[in-house]
Amino acid sequence: MFSADLAEVYEMIYRSRGKDWTAEARDVAREIRARKPDAASLLDVACGTGAHLKTFGEVFQDTEGLEIAEPMRELAARRLPEVKVHAGDMRAFELGRTFDTVVCLFCAIGYLSEVEDMRSAVAAMARHLVPGGVLVIEPWWFPEDFIEGYVAGDLAQENGMTVTRVSHSTLQGRATRMEVRFVVGDRSGIREFTEVDVLSLWTKEEYLDAFRAAGCTAEFLPGGPTGRGLFIGTLS
């Protein structure tokens, strides 16, 4: 679960890597419109701080978000006070309506621990689609991409705050266990915190099977916003 400490620096550290939520959302919107030109409504599952959702709201007439982590959800609600940002678990949510498209980006689905959980999440998202609606999911890495002992480091500086992030990844069963240490400095002093993220390494075929089981034809597009590709399905 994402902490309040992480929520505070989350976007800042990824901006330092060159992440552009606006460009990513517009690229995903183009893929959606290529498959459903009349798409007007969108649900962003695991919407985080609402960074993608803000741009989706400029492209689609009717947008909503779903987020399980309260610190992230609060930031999204403050950023987008006119948008409904629901509290909910992607594996089992019911909003009482359907959308032209549902998206789940930035490997959020990888935080689920079992294949059955992933399949439940894909099914829940598909249940919120209109017939012919488009489902877009950005995965975590596939098993063959895992690098044992991988280390990453980042330095971000904005508005009088400096943040460093160092991560170390190891294999834990069929998942990446990533220990991430942050040091945050600002005018009040220096503080540290550690996050441990466990992200599942499912195969491409396991994702595609989940789409098929949910009633969606699906394809995998390499590349995508972060290089991990996109699964895009259409509800039959």
Protein backbone atom coordinates (compact mmCIF):
# COMPACT_ATOMS: atom_id res chain seq x y z
CA MET A 1 0.00 0.00 0.00
CA PHE A 2 1.37 3.40 -0.93
CA SER A 3 2.21 5.56 2.08
CA ALA A 4 1.65 9.26 2.64
CA ASP A 5 5.44 9.72 2.49
CA LEU A 6 5.57 8.19 -0.97
CA ALA A 7 2.50 10.07 -2.21
CA GLU A 8 4.25 13.36 -1.38
CA VAL A 9 7.24 12.70 -3.65
CA TYR A 10 5.78 10.19 -6.12
CA GLU A 11 5.30 12.45 -9.13
CA MET A 12 8.43 14.48 -8.43
CA ILE A 13 10.75 11.47 -8.57
CA TYR A 14 9.22 10.19 -11.82
CA ARG A 15 9.33 13.64 -13.42
CA SER A 16 13.07 13.54 -12.77
CA ARG A 17 13.16 10.42 -14.97
CA GLY A 18 11.37 12.25 -17.75
CA LYS A 19 7.96 10.69 -17.22
CA ASP A 20 5.27 12.69 -19.02
CA TRP A 21 1.78 11.72 -17.86
CA THR A 22 0.14 14.08 -20.35
CA ALA A 23 1.88 12.57 -23.37
CA GLU A 24 1.26 9.04 -22.11
CA ALA A 25 -2.46 9.65 -21.63
CA ARG A 26 -2.79 11.19 -25.08
CA ASP A 27 -0.97 8.23 -26.64
CA VAL A 28 -3.29 5.78 -24.88
CA ALA A 29 -6.31 7.84 -25.92
CA ARG A 30 -5.22 7.56 -29.55
CA GLU A 31 -5.05 3.76 -29.24
CA ILE A 32 -8.54 3.76 -27.74
CA ARG A 33 -10.00 6.02 -30.43
CA ALA A 34 -8.41 3.86 -33.14
CA ARG A 35 -10.59 1.02 -31.87
CA LYS A 36 -13.64 2.97 -30.72
CA PRO A 37 -13.80 6.39 -32.39
CA ASP A 38 -16.93 7.41 -30.49
CA ALA A 39 -15.49 6.67 -27.02
CA ALA A 40 -16.72 9.36 -24.64
CA SER A 41 -16.45 7.86 -21.14
CA LEU A 42 -13.41 6.47 -19.32
CA LEU A 43 -12.65 4.81 -16.00
CA ASP A 44 -9.03 4.97 -14.78
CA VAL A 45 -8.43 2.01 -12.43
CA ALA A 46 -5.61 2.52 -9.92
CA CYS A 47 -5.56 6.17 -10.96
CA GLY A 48 -3.00 7.11 -8.30
CA THR A 49 -2.61 10.87 -7.92
CA GLY A 50 -4.80 11.52 -10.96
CA ALA A 51 -1.94 12.59 -13.23
CA HIS A 52 -3.15 10.55 -16.22
CA LEU A 53 -6.79 11.15 -15.30
CA LYS A 54 -6.36 14.91 -15.63
CA THR A 55 -5.42 14.57 -19.30
CA PHE A 56 -8.04 11.90 -19.94
CA GLY A 57 -10.56 14.45 -18.71
CA GLU A 58 -9.46 16.79 -21.50
CA VAL A 59 -9.92 14.07 -24.13
CA PHE A 60 -13.06 12.26 -22.96
CA GLN A 61 -16.32 13.89 -21.91
CA ASP A 62 -16.97 11.72 -18.85
CA THR A 63 -14.18 10.36 -16.62
CA GLU A 64 -13.96 8.67 -13.23
CA GLY A 65 -11.17 7.10 -11.21
CA LEU A 66 -10.71 4.18 -8.82
CA GLU A 67 -7.89 4.03 -6.26
CA ILE A 68 -7.32 1.79 -3.23
CA ALA A 69 -4.53 3.80 -1.55
CA GLU A 70 -6.03 6.63 0.49
CA PRO A 71 -3.02 9.03 0.29
CA MET A 72 -3.01 8.76 -3.51
CA ARG A 73 -6.78 9.03 -3.73
CA GLU A 74 -6.78 12.20 -1.63
CA LEU A 75 -4.26 13.83 -3.94
CA ALA A 76 -6.32 12.85 -6.99
CA ALA A 77 -9.49 14.25 -5.41
CA ARG A 78 -7.76 17.56 -4.64
CA ARG A 79 -6.35 17.78 -8.16
CA LEU A 80 -9.68 16.92 -9.81
CA PRO A 81 -12.48 18.05 -7.48
CA GLU A 82 -15.08 17.72 -10.24
CA VAL A 83 -14.20 14.07 -10.97
CA LYS A 84 -15.49 11.07 -9.01
CA VAL A 85 -12.51 9.18 -7.58
CA HIS A 86 -13.86 6.03 -5.97
CA ALA A 87 -12.26 4.03 -3.19
CA GLY A 88 -12.01 0.44 -4.30
CA ASP A 89 -10.05 -2.73 -4.94
CA MET A 90 -9.55 -3.49 -8.64
CA ARG A 91 -10.24 -7.18 -8.02
CA ALA A 92 -13.80 -6.61 -6.85
CA PHE A 93 -15.48 -3.27 -7.44
CA GLU A 94 -18.93 -2.31 -8.62
CA LEU A 95 -19.70 1.26 -9.67
CA GLY A 96 -23.20 0.61 -11.01
CA ARG A 97 -22.42 1.84 -14.50
CA THR A 98 -20.39 1.08 -17.62
CA PHE A 99 -17.83 3.03 -19.65
CA ASP A 100 -16.67 3.16 -23.25
CA THR A 101 -13.15 2.43 -22.04
CA VAL A 102 -11.37 1.28 -18.88
CA VAL A 103 -7.64 1.74 -18.38
CA CYS A 104 -5.18 0.47 -15.77
CA LEU A 105 -1.74 1.98 -16.32
CA PHE A 106 1.82 2.17 -14.98
CA CYS A 107 2.00 -1.54 -14.00
CA ALA A 108 -0.56 -1.10 -11.19
CA ILE A 109 -1.98 -4.54 -11.93
CA GLY A 110 1.42 -6.05 -11.08
CA TYR A 111 0.84 -5.29 -7.39
CA LEU A 112 -1.67 -8.15 -7.26
CA SER A 113 -0.06 -11.27 -5.86
CA GLU A 114 -1.72 -14.21 -7.66
CA VAL A 115 -2.76 -15.00 -11.22
CA GLU A 116 -6.30 -15.49 -9.91
CA ASP A 117 -6.24 -11.95 -8.51
CA MET A 118 -5.14 -10.58 -11.89
CA ARG A 119 -7.89 -12.53 -13.66
CA SER A 120 -10.46 -11.19 -11.16
CA ALA A 121 -9.28 -7.63 -11.80
CA VAL A 122 -9.47 -8.01 -15.58
CA ALA A 123 -12.97 -9.48 -15.22
CA ALA A 124 -14.09 -6.63 -12.93
CA MET A 125 -12.81 -4.05 -15.40
CA ALA A 126 -14.48 -5.81 -18.34
CA ARG A 127 -17.79 -5.83 -16.45
CA HIS A 128 -17.62 -2.04 -16.46
CA LEU A 129 -17.37 -1.83 -20.26
CA VAL A 130 -20.15 -1.26 -22.76
CA PRO A 131 -20.33 -3.84 -25.58
CA GLY A 132 -17.49 -2.98 -27.93
CA GLY A 133 -15.73 -1.08 -25.16
CA VAL A 134 -11.94 -0.96 -24.94
CA LEU A 135 -9.84 -2.24 -22.03
CA VAL A 136 -6.20 -1.09 -21.77
CA ILE A 137 -3.80 -2.61 -19.21
CA GLU A 138 -0.12 -1.80 -18.84
CA PRO A 139 1.69 -4.80 -17.28
CA TRP A 140 4.75 -5.14 -15.12
CA TRP A 141 7.71 -6.88 -16.75
CA PHE A 142 7.40 -10.44 -18.03
CA PRO A 143 9.45 -13.21 -16.30
CA GLU A 144 12.08 -13.26 -19.05
CA ASP A 145 12.79 -9.54 -18.47
CA PHE A 146 13.69 -9.88 -14.79
CA ILE A 147 17.29 -8.94 -13.82
CA GLU A 148 18.41 -10.35 -10.47
CA GLY A 149 20.00 -7.72 -8.24
CA TYR A 150 19.00 -4.82 -10.48
CA VAL A 151 19.78 -1.43 -8.91
CA ALA A 152 18.28 1.90 -9.96
CA GLY A 153 18.90 5.39 -8.62
CA ASP A 154 17.28 8.80 -9.07
CA LEU A 155 17.80 12.36 -7.88
CA ALA A 156 15.02 14.94 -8.05
CA GLN A 157 15.08 18.61 -7.07
CA GLU A 158 12.05 20.90 -7.15
CA ASN A 159 10.89 23.95 -5.20
CA GLY A 160 13.46 23.70 -2.44
CA MET A 161 13.07 19.93 -2.00
CA THR A 162 15.64 17.26 -2.89
CA VAL A 163 14.72 13.58 -3.11
CA THR A 164 16.93 10.58 -3.78
CA ARG A 165 15.55 7.14 -4.60
CA VAL A 166 17.60 3.92 -4.70
CA SER A 167 16.02 0.54 -5.45
CA HIS A 168 17.31 -3.04 -5.39
CA SER A 169 15.35 -5.91 -6.98
CA THR A 170 15.43 -9.62 -6.20
CA LEU A 171 13.32 -12.57 -7.29
CA GLN A 172 10.66 -13.66 -4.80
CA GLY A 173 8.80 -16.67 -6.16
CA ARG A 174 7.17 -15.40 -9.35
CA ALA A 175 7.53 -11.76 -8.39
CA THR A 176 9.97 -8.88 -8.26
CA ARG A 177 10.72 -7.83 -4.69
CA MET A 178 11.92 -4.25 -4.94
CA GLU A 179 13.27 -2.52 -1.86
CA VAL A 180 13.19 1.23 -2.37
CA ARG A 181 14.89 3.72 -0.05
CA PHE A 182 14.12 7.44 -0.16
CA VAL A 183 15.96 10.37 1.39
CA VAL A 184 13.99 13.62 1.41
CA GLY A 185 15.53 16.98 2.26
CA ASP A 186 13.75 20.32 2.58
CA ARG A 187 13.88 23.40 4.80
CA SER A 188 12.57 21.39 7.75
CA GLY A 189 15.44 18.90 7.61
CA ILE A 190 16.24 15.45 6.23
CA ARG A 191 14.10 12.34 6.60
CA GLU A 192 14.24 8.82 5.24
CA PHE A 193 11.73 6.07 4.52
CA THR A 194 11.70 2.69 2.83
CA GLU A 195 9.06 1.06 0.64
CA VAL A 196 8.99 -2.60 -0.36
CA ASP A 197 7.13 -3.28 -3.60
CA VAL A 198 6.30 -6.80 -4.75
CA LEU A 199 5.18 -6.96 -8.38
CA SER A 200 4.13 -10.18 -10.06
CA LEU A 201 5.93 -11.49 -13.14
CA TRP A 202 3.09 -12.97 -15.17
CA THR A 203 3.54 -14.21 -18.72
CA LYS A 204 2.12 -12.58 -21.80
CA GLU A 205 -0.14 -15.60 -22.34
CA GLU A 206 -1.48 -15.39 -18.77
CA TYR A 207 -2.58 -11.81 -19.41
CA LEU A 208 -4.14 -12.71 -22.76
CA ASP A 209 -5.95 -15.67 -21.16
CA ALA A 210 -7.42 -13.31 -18.55
CA PHE A 211 -8.73 -11.00 -21.29
CA ARG A 212 -10.28 -13.93 -23.16
CA ALA A 213 -11.89 -15.27 -19.99
CA ALA A 214 -13.43 -11.82 -19.42
CA GLY A 215 -14.97 -11.86 -22.91
CA CYS A 216 -12.46 -9.60 -24.62
CA THR A 217 -10.48 -10.11 -27.79
CA ALA A 218 -7.00 -8.81 -26.99
CA GLU A 219 -3.61 -7.97 -28.43
CA PHE A 220 -0.25 -7.00 -26.98
CA LEU A 221 1.48 -3.88 -28.29
CA PRO A 222 5.21 -3.66 -27.49
CA GLY A 223 6.64 -0.39 -26.29
CA GLY A 224 3.90 1.66 -24.72
CA PRO A 225 4.32 4.47 -22.19
CA THR A 226 7.16 2.85 -20.20
CA GLY A 227 8.54 0.24 -22.58
CA ARG A 228 6.64 -2.61 -20.94
CA GLY A 229 3.96 -2.63 -23.63
CA LEU A 230 0.16 -2.49 -23.50
CA PHE A 231 -2.55 -5.11 -23.56
CA ILE A 232 -5.58 -3.77 -25.43
CA GLY A 233 -8.85 -5.68 -25.55
CA THR A 234 -12.31 -5.11 -26.95
CA LEU A 235 -15.37 -6.50 -25.18
CA SER A 236 -17.29 -8.84 -27.48
